[in-house]
Structures are given as structure tokens and as C-alpha cells.
């Protein structure tokens, strides 16, 4: 499942840190996501492309580099900070921006992030692609399992 290069090699997930991570982000991570991370804690996937539907049509995006679990806390806090900045300087779309605090980035490629989306389903989050330059998200899959099945 993982692309094996020297740059991409990582050790397995440290399960002792999992409770700390989930407490810090405020959500339980999907079991299928944790199963993937158990084998290699972050990096690029062999099949790393997914389709999203935009107003302008279908676009293929690179899912990028998955964060090691230890980095989820820092990256989630940075994500929330970007949202807080937008809330401080904008009077429109406040409800939409507030809701973006409930998506957790798990991989990055340029200004786009694959995220677990806890806005509507806490037990089994959907997966979305969040583009931080425009502060917009695109639905990818109803669950992490479905996300993995859609990878090309």
C-alpha cells in the first residue's frame, strides 16, 4: 500500500501515543485509518490519486504525503489557526468557517489536504479534500474505507 523509498520509509505507529493524539484533536480516528498507519506511520501511498468533482468538472488530485500520527496534533492546530484568522477578518460565512474546525488534515499536497470530516458523523467520518487558499472543501468519500477503495 505504501510507496517504499528511502525518503518515504517510516517505522510503525506507536500505539502508546494514540490516546494522547485522539484526546488532543478531540476525535477518535477511524480503525481503517489506524490499520493503514500501523504498517508505516506516514508517507506516500502507491496508489495516491483520487477524483473530486468541482463546479468546473472532475479533477484528479494527488493525495500527497500522509502525516505521521505524531504530527496530527500540530497540523490540526495549524489548520484551526487558519480558520480562526479567517473568522477574525471576515463577517460572511462564519458558520461555514466554524464548521471547518471539525475537519482533521491527514495528508498534504501543496495547498490541499485530505481530511477526516467530523462535521456530520463523529463515529465514522467522511473524507474531504480541503483547499486552504480558497477555504473550500470537496467531498471524496463517505468513510475512510471508501476513500481507500477509490484510490487510483
N, C-alpha and C. Protein backbone atom coordinates (compact mmCIF):
# COMPACT_ATOMS: atom_id res chain seq x y z
N UNK A 1 0.82 -1.20 0.00
CA UNK A 1 0.00 0.00 0.00
C UNK A 1 0.87 1.27 0.00
N UNK A 2 1.98 1.22 0.75
CA UNK A 2 2.87 2.38 0.86
C UNK A 2 3.94 2.35 -0.22
N UNK A 3 4.30 3.50 -0.73
CA UNK A 3 5.40 3.64 -1.66
C UNK A 3 6.69 3.52 -0.85
N UNK A 4 7.55 2.60 -1.22
CA UNK A 4 8.75 2.34 -0.44
C UNK A 4 9.96 3.00 -1.08
N UNK A 5 10.34 4.16 -0.58
CA UNK A 5 11.56 4.85 -0.99
C UNK A 5 12.32 5.18 0.28
N UNK A 6 13.58 5.52 0.17
CA UNK A 6 14.34 5.89 1.37
C UNK A 6 13.71 7.08 2.07
N UNK A 7 13.26 8.06 1.28
CA UNK A 7 12.63 9.26 1.86
C UNK A 7 11.30 8.92 2.54
N UNK A 8 10.66 7.89 2.06
CA UNK A 8 9.31 7.55 2.50
C UNK A 8 9.29 6.52 3.63
N UNK A 9 10.42 5.91 3.95
CA UNK A 9 10.44 4.86 4.98
C UNK A 9 10.19 5.44 6.36
N UNK A 10 9.27 4.80 7.04
CA UNK A 10 8.96 5.18 8.42
C UNK A 10 8.74 3.91 9.21
N UNK A 11 8.92 4.04 10.50
CA UNK A 11 8.64 2.91 11.38
C UNK A 11 7.14 2.77 11.61
N UNK A 12 6.75 1.73 12.30
CA UNK A 12 5.32 1.53 12.57
C UNK A 12 4.79 2.56 13.57
N UNK A 13 3.49 2.61 13.64
CA UNK A 13 2.77 3.51 14.53
C UNK A 13 3.06 3.16 15.99
N UNK A 14 3.31 4.18 16.81
CA UNK A 14 3.47 3.99 18.25
C UNK A 14 2.08 4.08 18.88
N UNK A 15 1.49 2.93 19.18
CA UNK A 15 0.12 2.89 19.69
C UNK A 15 -0.02 3.55 21.07
N UNK A 16 1.08 3.69 21.80
CA UNK A 16 1.02 4.35 23.11
C UNK A 16 0.66 5.83 22.98
N UNK A 17 0.97 6.42 21.85
CA UNK A 17 0.69 7.85 21.64
C UNK A 17 -0.72 8.10 21.13
N UNK A 18 -1.41 7.04 20.74
CA UNK A 18 -2.72 7.18 20.11
C UNK A 18 -3.74 7.88 21.01
N UNK A 19 -3.82 7.50 22.26
CA UNK A 19 -4.79 8.12 23.17
C UNK A 19 -4.51 9.61 23.32
N UNK A 20 -3.25 9.98 23.45
CA UNK A 20 -2.87 11.40 23.56
C UNK A 20 -3.30 12.17 22.30
N UNK A 21 -3.08 11.57 21.15
CA UNK A 21 -3.42 12.23 19.88
C UNK A 21 -4.92 12.42 19.78
N UNK A 22 -5.69 11.36 20.04
CA UNK A 22 -7.15 11.46 19.94
C UNK A 22 -7.72 12.44 20.96
N UNK A 23 -7.16 12.48 22.15
CA UNK A 23 -7.61 13.46 23.15
C UNK A 23 -7.30 14.88 22.71
N UNK A 24 -6.14 15.08 22.10
CA UNK A 24 -5.74 16.42 21.67
C UNK A 24 -6.59 16.95 20.52
N UNK A 25 -6.93 16.10 19.55
CA UNK A 25 -7.74 16.57 18.43
C UNK A 25 -9.23 16.51 18.74
N UNK A 26 -9.59 15.74 19.77
CA UNK A 26 -10.99 15.67 20.18
C UNK A 26 -11.84 14.66 19.44
N UNK A 27 -11.21 13.76 18.68
CA UNK A 27 -11.95 12.78 17.89
C UNK A 27 -11.23 11.44 17.92
N UNK A 28 -12.00 10.35 17.82
CA UNK A 28 -11.42 9.02 17.62
C UNK A 28 -11.12 8.86 16.13
N UNK A 29 -9.96 8.34 15.84
CA UNK A 29 -9.56 8.11 14.46
C UNK A 29 -10.16 6.80 13.95
N UNK A 30 -10.57 6.75 12.67
CA UNK A 30 -11.17 5.53 12.14
C UNK A 30 -10.22 4.33 12.21
N UNK A 31 -10.78 3.18 12.53
CA UNK A 31 -9.98 1.95 12.66
C UNK A 31 -9.23 1.64 11.37
N UNK A 32 -9.87 1.82 10.23
CA UNK A 32 -9.19 1.50 8.95
C UNK A 32 -8.01 2.45 8.70
N UNK A 33 -8.13 3.70 9.15
CA UNK A 33 -7.02 4.65 9.04
C UNK A 33 -5.86 4.19 9.93
N UNK A 34 -6.20 3.80 11.16
CA UNK A 34 -5.16 3.34 12.09
C UNK A 34 -4.50 2.06 11.58
N UNK A 35 -5.29 1.16 10.98
CA UNK A 35 -4.72 -0.07 10.41
C UNK A 35 -3.70 0.26 9.33
N UNK A 36 -4.01 1.25 8.49
CA UNK A 36 -3.07 1.68 7.45
C UNK A 36 -1.80 2.25 8.09
N UNK A 37 -1.97 3.07 9.10
CA UNK A 37 -0.84 3.74 9.74
C UNK A 37 0.00 2.77 10.58
N UNK A 38 -0.58 1.64 11.00
CA UNK A 38 0.17 0.66 11.77
C UNK A 38 1.35 0.11 10.98
N UNK A 39 1.16 -0.05 9.68
CA UNK A 39 2.21 -0.65 8.84
C UNK A 39 3.35 0.32 8.57
N UNK A 40 3.00 1.56 8.37
CA UNK A 40 4.01 2.60 8.14
C UNK A 40 3.37 3.91 8.55
N UNK A 41 3.94 4.57 9.48
CA UNK A 41 3.33 5.75 10.09
C UNK A 41 3.58 7.00 9.24
N UNK A 42 2.89 7.09 8.10
CA UNK A 42 3.01 8.27 7.25
C UNK A 42 3.81 8.00 5.99
N UNK A 43 3.72 8.94 5.05
CA UNK A 43 4.44 8.82 3.78
C UNK A 43 3.48 8.86 2.61
N UNK A 44 3.95 8.43 1.44
CA UNK A 44 3.14 8.43 0.22
C UNK A 44 2.63 7.02 -0.07
N UNK A 45 1.42 6.98 -0.62
CA UNK A 45 0.82 5.70 -0.99
C UNK A 45 1.19 5.34 -2.43
N UNK A 46 1.23 4.04 -2.74
CA UNK A 46 1.48 3.60 -4.11
C UNK A 46 0.39 4.11 -5.04
N UNK A 47 -0.85 3.92 -4.63
CA UNK A 47 -1.98 4.47 -5.36
C UNK A 47 -2.36 5.75 -4.63
N UNK A 48 -2.01 6.89 -5.18
CA UNK A 48 -2.17 8.14 -4.45
C UNK A 48 -2.97 9.21 -5.16
N UNK A 49 -3.80 8.80 -6.13
CA UNK A 49 -4.60 9.77 -6.87
C UNK A 49 -6.08 9.50 -6.61
N UNK A 50 -6.85 10.56 -6.54
CA UNK A 50 -8.30 10.43 -6.32
C UNK A 50 -9.02 11.47 -7.16
N UNK A 51 -10.26 11.18 -7.52
CA UNK A 51 -11.07 12.12 -8.28
C UNK A 51 -11.94 12.93 -7.32
N UNK A 52 -12.05 14.22 -7.60
CA UNK A 52 -13.03 15.06 -6.91
C UNK A 52 -13.85 15.77 -7.98
N UNK A 53 -15.07 16.11 -7.63
CA UNK A 53 -15.93 16.83 -8.56
C UNK A 53 -16.01 18.28 -8.14
N UNK A 54 -15.60 19.15 -9.03
CA UNK A 54 -15.67 20.59 -8.80
C UNK A 54 -16.73 21.17 -9.74
N UNK A 55 -17.09 22.41 -9.52
CA UNK A 55 -18.04 23.06 -10.43
C UNK A 55 -17.54 23.06 -11.87
N UNK A 56 -16.24 23.08 -12.03
CA UNK A 56 -15.64 23.12 -13.36
C UNK A 56 -15.44 21.73 -13.96
N UNK A 57 -15.81 20.69 -13.21
CA UNK A 57 -15.69 19.33 -13.71
C UNK A 57 -14.90 18.43 -12.77
N UNK A 58 -14.58 17.26 -13.26
CA UNK A 58 -13.84 16.28 -12.46
C UNK A 58 -12.35 16.61 -12.51
N UNK A 59 -11.72 16.53 -11.35
CA UNK A 59 -10.29 16.81 -11.25
C UNK A 59 -9.63 15.64 -10.52
N UNK A 60 -8.46 15.23 -11.01
CA UNK A 60 -7.66 14.22 -10.32
C UNK A 60 -6.67 14.95 -9.43
N UNK A 61 -6.64 14.55 -8.18
CA UNK A 61 -5.70 15.18 -7.25
C UNK A 61 -4.78 14.13 -6.65
N UNK A 62 -3.60 14.56 -6.31
CA UNK A 62 -2.63 13.72 -5.62
C UNK A 62 -2.94 13.82 -4.13
N UNK A 63 -3.06 12.67 -3.47
CA UNK A 63 -3.37 12.70 -2.04
C UNK A 63 -2.19 13.17 -1.20
N UNK A 64 -1.03 13.26 -1.81
CA UNK A 64 0.12 13.83 -1.12
C UNK A 64 0.75 12.89 -0.12
N UNK A 65 1.38 13.49 0.84
CA UNK A 65 2.12 12.77 1.87
C UNK A 65 1.27 12.70 3.13
N UNK A 66 1.01 11.48 3.60
CA UNK A 66 0.25 11.32 4.84
C UNK A 66 1.14 11.68 6.02
N UNK A 67 0.57 12.46 6.93
CA UNK A 67 1.31 12.86 8.12
C UNK A 67 1.55 11.66 9.04
N UNK A 68 2.71 11.61 9.69
CA UNK A 68 2.86 10.65 10.79
C UNK A 68 1.85 11.06 11.88
N UNK A 69 1.32 10.10 12.60
CA UNK A 69 0.31 10.42 13.60
C UNK A 69 0.80 11.46 14.61
N UNK A 70 2.07 11.42 14.95
CA UNK A 70 2.61 12.37 15.92
C UNK A 70 2.45 13.82 15.44
N UNK A 71 2.38 14.01 14.12
CA UNK A 71 2.24 15.37 13.56
C UNK A 71 0.79 15.82 13.45
N UNK A 72 -0.17 14.93 13.68
CA UNK A 72 -1.58 15.30 13.53
C UNK A 72 -1.96 16.44 14.47
N UNK A 73 -1.49 16.40 15.71
CA UNK A 73 -1.85 17.43 16.69
C UNK A 73 -1.39 18.80 16.19
N UNK A 74 -0.12 18.91 15.83
CA UNK A 74 0.44 20.18 15.36
C UNK A 74 -0.28 20.67 14.10
N UNK A 75 -0.49 19.77 13.16
CA UNK A 75 -1.12 20.16 11.90
C UNK A 75 -2.60 20.51 12.08
N UNK A 76 -3.28 19.83 12.97
CA UNK A 76 -4.67 20.17 13.25
C UNK A 76 -4.75 21.55 13.90
N UNK A 77 -3.85 21.84 14.81
CA UNK A 77 -3.83 23.17 15.45
C UNK A 77 -3.53 24.26 14.43
N UNK A 78 -2.62 24.02 13.50
CA UNK A 78 -2.34 24.99 12.44
C UNK A 78 -3.57 25.22 11.58
N UNK A 79 -4.27 24.14 11.26
CA UNK A 79 -5.50 24.22 10.47
C UNK A 79 -6.53 25.09 11.20
N UNK A 80 -6.74 24.83 12.47
CA UNK A 80 -7.71 25.61 13.26
C UNK A 80 -7.27 27.07 13.33
N UNK A 81 -5.97 27.32 13.42
CA UNK A 81 -5.45 28.69 13.45
C UNK A 81 -5.79 29.44 12.16
N UNK A 82 -5.67 28.77 11.01
CA UNK A 82 -6.03 29.39 9.73
C UNK A 82 -7.51 29.76 9.74
N UNK A 83 -8.33 28.85 10.24
CA UNK A 83 -9.77 29.10 10.31
C UNK A 83 -10.07 30.25 11.26
N UNK A 84 -9.40 30.29 12.40
CA UNK A 84 -9.60 31.38 13.36
C UNK A 84 -9.23 32.73 12.75
N UNK A 85 -8.15 32.76 11.99
CA UNK A 85 -7.76 34.01 11.30
C UNK A 85 -8.85 34.46 10.36
N UNK A 86 -9.39 33.53 9.60
CA UNK A 86 -10.45 33.88 8.66
C UNK A 86 -11.68 34.39 9.40
N UNK A 87 -12.01 33.78 10.51
CA UNK A 87 -13.16 34.22 11.30
C UNK A 87 -12.94 35.63 11.86
N UNK A 88 -11.70 35.93 12.22
CA UNK A 88 -11.40 37.25 12.79
C UNK A 88 -11.52 38.37 11.76
N UNK A 89 -11.27 38.04 10.48
CA UNK A 89 -11.25 39.08 9.46
C UNK A 89 -12.42 39.06 8.50
N UNK A 90 -13.38 38.18 8.73
CA UNK A 90 -14.49 38.05 7.79
C UNK A 90 -15.82 38.01 8.51
N UNK A 91 -16.78 38.78 8.00
CA UNK A 91 -18.12 38.76 8.57
C UNK A 91 -19.05 37.79 7.85
N UNK A 92 -18.65 37.32 6.68
CA UNK A 92 -19.51 36.40 5.95
C UNK A 92 -19.01 34.96 6.12
N UNK A 93 -19.89 34.02 5.95
CA UNK A 93 -19.58 32.59 6.01
C UNK A 93 -19.06 32.12 7.37
N UNK A 94 -19.39 32.82 8.44
CA UNK A 94 -18.88 32.43 9.76
C UNK A 94 -19.27 31.01 10.14
N UNK A 95 -20.50 30.60 9.83
CA UNK A 95 -20.93 29.24 10.16
C UNK A 95 -20.14 28.19 9.38
N UNK A 96 -19.87 28.49 8.12
CA UNK A 96 -19.09 27.56 7.30
C UNK A 96 -17.67 27.45 7.86
N UNK A 97 -17.06 28.58 8.17
CA UNK A 97 -15.70 28.56 8.70
C UNK A 97 -15.65 27.87 10.06
N UNK A 98 -16.63 28.10 10.92
CA UNK A 98 -16.68 27.43 12.23
C UNK A 98 -16.71 25.92 12.02
N UNK A 99 -17.50 25.47 11.05
CA UNK A 99 -17.63 24.04 10.79
C UNK A 99 -16.31 23.43 10.32
N UNK A 100 -15.47 24.22 9.64
CA UNK A 100 -14.19 23.71 9.18
C UNK A 100 -13.27 23.31 10.32
N UNK A 101 -13.56 23.72 11.53
CA UNK A 101 -12.76 23.30 12.68
C UNK A 101 -12.96 21.81 12.97
N UNK A 102 -13.97 21.21 12.35
CA UNK A 102 -14.29 19.80 12.59
C UNK A 102 -13.77 18.88 11.49
N UNK A 103 -12.83 19.37 10.69
CA UNK A 103 -12.14 18.51 9.74
C UNK A 103 -10.67 18.43 10.15
N UNK A 104 -10.11 17.23 10.07
CA UNK A 104 -8.76 16.96 10.55
C UNK A 104 -7.87 16.57 9.38
N UNK A 105 -6.90 17.43 9.02
CA UNK A 105 -5.99 17.10 7.91
C UNK A 105 -5.13 15.87 8.22
N UNK A 106 -5.09 14.92 7.27
CA UNK A 106 -4.26 13.73 7.46
C UNK A 106 -3.17 13.60 6.40
N UNK A 107 -3.29 14.36 5.30
CA UNK A 107 -2.22 14.37 4.30
C UNK A 107 -2.20 15.73 3.60
N UNK A 108 -1.07 16.04 3.00
CA UNK A 108 -0.91 17.35 2.37
C UNK A 108 -0.25 17.22 1.00
N UNK A 109 -0.71 18.07 0.08
CA UNK A 109 -0.08 18.22 -1.24
C UNK A 109 -0.27 19.68 -1.64
N UNK A 110 0.80 20.45 -1.62
CA UNK A 110 0.75 21.90 -1.89
C UNK A 110 -0.22 22.57 -0.92
N UNK A 111 -1.30 23.20 -1.42
CA UNK A 111 -2.25 23.89 -0.55
C UNK A 111 -3.51 23.06 -0.32
N UNK A 112 -3.46 21.78 -0.64
CA UNK A 112 -4.62 20.92 -0.47
C UNK A 112 -4.35 19.83 0.55
N UNK A 113 -5.40 19.46 1.25
CA UNK A 113 -5.30 18.47 2.32
C UNK A 113 -6.41 17.44 2.19
N UNK A 114 -6.06 16.18 2.37
CA UNK A 114 -7.08 15.15 2.56
C UNK A 114 -7.39 15.19 4.05
N UNK A 115 -8.69 15.26 4.37
CA UNK A 115 -9.11 15.44 5.76
C UNK A 115 -10.19 14.46 6.16
N UNK A 116 -10.18 14.09 7.44
CA UNK A 116 -11.29 13.37 8.04
C UNK A 116 -12.32 14.42 8.42
N UNK A 117 -13.55 14.21 8.01
CA UNK A 117 -14.62 15.20 8.18
C UNK A 117 -15.59 14.75 9.27
N UNK A 118 -15.48 15.37 10.45
CA UNK A 118 -16.30 15.02 11.60
C UNK A 118 -17.52 15.93 11.73
N UNK A 119 -17.83 16.73 10.73
CA UNK A 119 -18.95 17.68 10.84
C UNK A 119 -20.30 16.99 10.99
N UNK A 120 -20.52 15.90 10.30
CA UNK A 120 -21.83 15.24 10.33
C UNK A 120 -21.82 13.86 10.96
N UNK A 121 -20.66 13.24 11.08
CA UNK A 121 -20.57 11.87 11.57
C UNK A 121 -19.31 11.71 12.39
N UNK A 122 -19.45 11.63 13.71
CA UNK A 122 -18.28 11.55 14.58
C UNK A 122 -17.72 10.13 14.64
N UNK A 123 -18.59 9.13 14.62
CA UNK A 123 -18.13 7.75 14.76
C UNK A 123 -17.42 7.23 13.51
N UNK A 124 -17.84 7.68 12.34
CA UNK A 124 -17.24 7.21 11.09
C UNK A 124 -17.16 8.40 10.13
N UNK A 125 -16.11 9.21 10.26
CA UNK A 125 -16.05 10.45 9.48
C UNK A 125 -15.93 10.22 7.98
N UNK A 126 -16.49 11.15 7.23
CA UNK A 126 -16.31 11.18 5.78
C UNK A 126 -14.89 11.66 5.49
N UNK A 127 -14.51 11.65 4.21
CA UNK A 127 -13.21 12.16 3.80
C UNK A 127 -13.46 13.26 2.77
N UNK A 128 -12.80 14.39 2.98
CA UNK A 128 -12.92 15.52 2.07
C UNK A 128 -11.54 16.02 1.68
N UNK A 129 -11.50 16.76 0.58
CA UNK A 129 -10.29 17.45 0.15
C UNK A 129 -10.51 18.92 0.48
N UNK A 130 -9.64 19.49 1.30
CA UNK A 130 -9.76 20.88 1.74
C UNK A 130 -8.66 21.70 1.09
N UNK A 131 -9.06 22.76 0.40
CA UNK A 131 -8.11 23.64 -0.28
C UNK A 131 -8.01 24.93 0.53
N UNK A 132 -6.88 25.14 1.20
CA UNK A 132 -6.80 26.24 2.16
C UNK A 132 -6.67 27.63 1.55
N UNK A 133 -6.25 27.74 0.29
CA UNK A 133 -6.16 29.08 -0.30
C UNK A 133 -7.54 29.68 -0.54
N UNK A 134 -8.50 28.84 -0.85
CA UNK A 134 -9.86 29.33 -1.08
C UNK A 134 -10.81 28.99 0.08
N UNK A 135 -10.31 28.25 1.06
CA UNK A 135 -11.13 27.78 2.18
C UNK A 135 -12.41 27.12 1.67
N UNK A 136 -12.21 26.07 0.88
CA UNK A 136 -13.33 25.32 0.33
C UNK A 136 -13.00 23.83 0.42
N UNK A 137 -14.04 23.00 0.60
CA UNK A 137 -13.79 21.56 0.66
C UNK A 137 -14.61 20.84 -0.39
N UNK A 138 -14.11 19.67 -0.79
CA UNK A 138 -14.75 18.83 -1.80
C UNK A 138 -14.91 17.43 -1.23
N UNK A 139 -16.10 16.89 -1.35
CA UNK A 139 -16.39 15.54 -0.86
C UNK A 139 -15.58 14.53 -1.66
N UNK A 140 -14.98 13.56 -0.94
CA UNK A 140 -14.27 12.46 -1.59
C UNK A 140 -15.00 11.14 -1.35
N UNK A 141 -15.25 10.84 -0.07
CA UNK A 141 -15.85 9.53 0.26
C UNK A 141 -16.60 9.61 1.58
N UNK A 142 -17.56 8.70 1.74
CA UNK A 142 -18.39 8.68 2.95
C UNK A 142 -17.65 8.10 4.16
N UNK A 143 -16.53 7.44 3.92
CA UNK A 143 -15.74 6.86 5.02
C UNK A 143 -14.30 6.69 4.56
N UNK A 144 -13.41 6.40 5.51
CA UNK A 144 -12.02 6.17 5.14
C UNK A 144 -11.89 4.89 4.31
N UNK A 145 -12.69 3.87 4.63
CA UNK A 145 -12.68 2.64 3.83
C UNK A 145 -13.01 2.93 2.38
N UNK A 146 -14.07 3.74 2.15
CA UNK A 146 -14.47 4.10 0.79
C UNK A 146 -13.38 4.92 0.11
N UNK A 147 -12.71 5.78 0.85
CA UNK A 147 -11.61 6.57 0.31
C UNK A 147 -10.52 5.65 -0.23
N UNK A 148 -10.13 4.65 0.56
CA UNK A 148 -9.07 3.73 0.15
C UNK A 148 -9.48 2.98 -1.13
N UNK A 149 -10.75 2.58 -1.20
CA UNK A 149 -11.24 1.86 -2.38
C UNK A 149 -11.21 2.73 -3.64
N UNK A 150 -11.34 4.05 -3.50
CA UNK A 150 -11.39 4.95 -4.64
C UNK A 150 -10.01 5.36 -5.16
N UNK A 151 -8.95 5.06 -4.42
CA UNK A 151 -7.61 5.47 -4.83
C UNK A 151 -7.22 4.83 -6.16
N UNK A 152 -6.55 5.62 -6.99
CA UNK A 152 -6.10 5.14 -8.31
C UNK A 152 -4.59 5.14 -8.35
